[in-house]
C-alpha atoms as a PDB file:
ATOM      1  CA  MET A   1     -19.266  23.727  32.383  1.00  0.00           C
ATOM      2  CA  THR A   2     -17.270  21.286  30.313  1.00  0.00           C
ATOM      3  CA  ILE A   3     -14.613  22.558  27.939  1.00  0.00           C
ATOM      4  CA  LEU A   4     -15.201  21.102  24.498  1.00  0.00           C
ATOM      5  CA  ASP A   5     -11.759  20.247  23.225  1.00  0.00           C
ATOM      6  CA  ARG A   6     -12.495  16.776  21.939  1.00  0.00           C
ATOM      7  CA  MET A   7     -11.295  15.882  18.449  1.00  0.00           C
ATOM      8  CA  ASP A   8     -14.741  14.951  17.121  1.00  0.00           C
ATOM      9  CA  SER A   9     -16.360  18.258  18.265  1.00  0.00           C
ATOM     10  CA  CYS A  10     -19.195  16.287  19.778  1.00  0.00           C
ATOM     11  CA  CYS A  11     -21.130  17.637  22.746  1.00  0.00           C
ATOM     12  CA  PRO A  12     -20.787  15.213  25.688  1.00  0.00           C
ATOM     13  CA  GLU A  13     -24.343  15.897  26.898  1.00  0.00           C
ATOM     14  CA  CYS A  14     -26.473  15.837  23.762  1.00  0.00           C
ATOM     15  CA  ASN A  15     -24.060  14.055  21.370  1.00  0.00           C
ATOM     16  CA  LEU A  16     -24.630  16.642  18.627  1.00  0.00           C
ATOM     17  CA  PHE A  17     -21.746  17.727  16.439  1.00  0.00           C
ATOM     18  CA  LEU A  18     -20.697  21.334  16.809  1.00  0.00           C
ATOM     19  CA  LEU A  19     -19.800  23.504  13.842  1.00  0.00           C
ATOM     20  CA  PRO A  20     -17.017  26.047  14.093  1.00  0.00           C
ATOM     21  CA  ALA A  21     -17.942  29.708  13.727  1.00  0.00           C
ATOM     22  CA  GLN A  22     -17.357  30.856  10.173  1.00  0.00           C
ATOM     23  CA  ASP A  23     -16.933  34.263   8.632  1.00  0.00           C
ATOM     24  CA  ILE A  24     -20.376  34.969   7.220  1.00  0.00           C
ATOM     25  CA  SER A  25     -19.646  38.365   5.677  1.00  0.00           C
ATOM     26  CA  GLN A  26     -19.186  36.893   2.187  1.00  0.00           C
ATOM     27  CA  GLN A  27     -22.350  34.840   2.539  1.00  0.00           C
ATOM     28  CA  LEU A  28     -24.297  37.936   3.586  1.00  0.00           C
ATOM     29  CA  ARG A  29     -23.082  39.836   0.519  1.00  0.00           C
ATOM     30  CA  ALA A  30     -24.108  36.962  -1.753  1.00  0.00           C
ATOM     31  CA  ASP A  31     -27.523  36.761  -0.082  1.00  0.00           C
ATOM     32  CA  GLU A  32     -27.978  40.516  -0.451  1.00  0.00           C
ATOM     33  CA  ARG A  33     -27.109  40.342  -4.152  1.00  0.00           C
ATOM     34  CA  PHE A  34     -29.520  37.444  -4.681  1.00  0.00           C
ATOM     35  CA  LEU A  35     -32.354  39.250  -2.884  1.00  0.00           C
ATOM     36  CA  ARG A  36     -31.715  42.439  -4.847  1.00  0.00           C
ATOM     37  CA  PHE A  37     -31.775  40.459  -8.111  1.00  0.00           C
ATOM     38  CA  ALA A  38     -34.993  38.678  -7.098  1.00  0.00           C
ATOM     39  CA  ILE A  39     -36.740  41.951  -6.232  1.00  0.00           C
ATOM     40  CA  ILE A  40     -35.664  43.556  -9.508  1.00  0.00           C
ATOM     41  CA  ALA A  41     -36.861  40.487 -11.432  1.00  0.00           C
ATOM     42  CA  ILE A  42     -40.259  40.580  -9.684  1.00  0.00           C
ATOM     43  CA  VAL A  43     -40.657  44.301 -10.402  1.00  0.00           C
ATOM     44  CA  LEU A  44     -39.771  43.792 -14.070  1.00  0.00           C
ATOM     45  CA  VAL A  45     -42.265  40.932 -14.407  1.00  0.00           C
ATOM     46  CA  LEU A  46     -44.993  43.068 -12.801  1.00  0.00           C
ATOM     47  CA  ILE A  47     -44.240  45.943 -15.184  1.00  0.00           C
ATOM     48  CA  LEU A  48     -44.327  43.525 -18.122  1.00  0.00           C
ATOM     49  CA  PHE A  49     -47.711  42.139 -17.052  1.00  0.00           C
ATOM     50  CA  ALA A  50     -49.102  45.653 -16.555  1.00  0.00           C
ATOM     51  CA  TYR A  51     -47.902  46.617 -20.032  1.00  0.00           C
ATOM     52  CA  MET A  52     -49.444  43.500 -21.580  1.00  0.00           C
ATOM     53  CA  TYR A  53     -52.713  44.221 -19.752  1.00  0.00           C
ATOM     54  CA  TYR A  54     -52.619  47.812 -21.039  1.00  0.00           C
ATOM     55  CA  LEU A  55     -52.076  46.609 -24.620  1.00  0.00           C
ATOM     56  CA  ASN A  56     -55.128  44.351 -24.384  1.00  0.00           C
ATOM     57  CA  LEU A  57     -57.300  47.251 -23.213  1.00  0.00           C
ATOM     58  CA  VAL A  58     -56.269  49.560 -26.051  1.00  0.00           C
END
């Protein structure tokens, strides 16, 4: 096993650049907020369409 301590962070076997591990906790919180917002928006649109459909029947 080769220790990767080269300055360019390039793998000597496959020549791909390696990315350092990052703290993803903030990204996960942002993703969770976005998904929660998207689900709420979808539910509100479905309720709006159901209400419009109900108004057309009455």
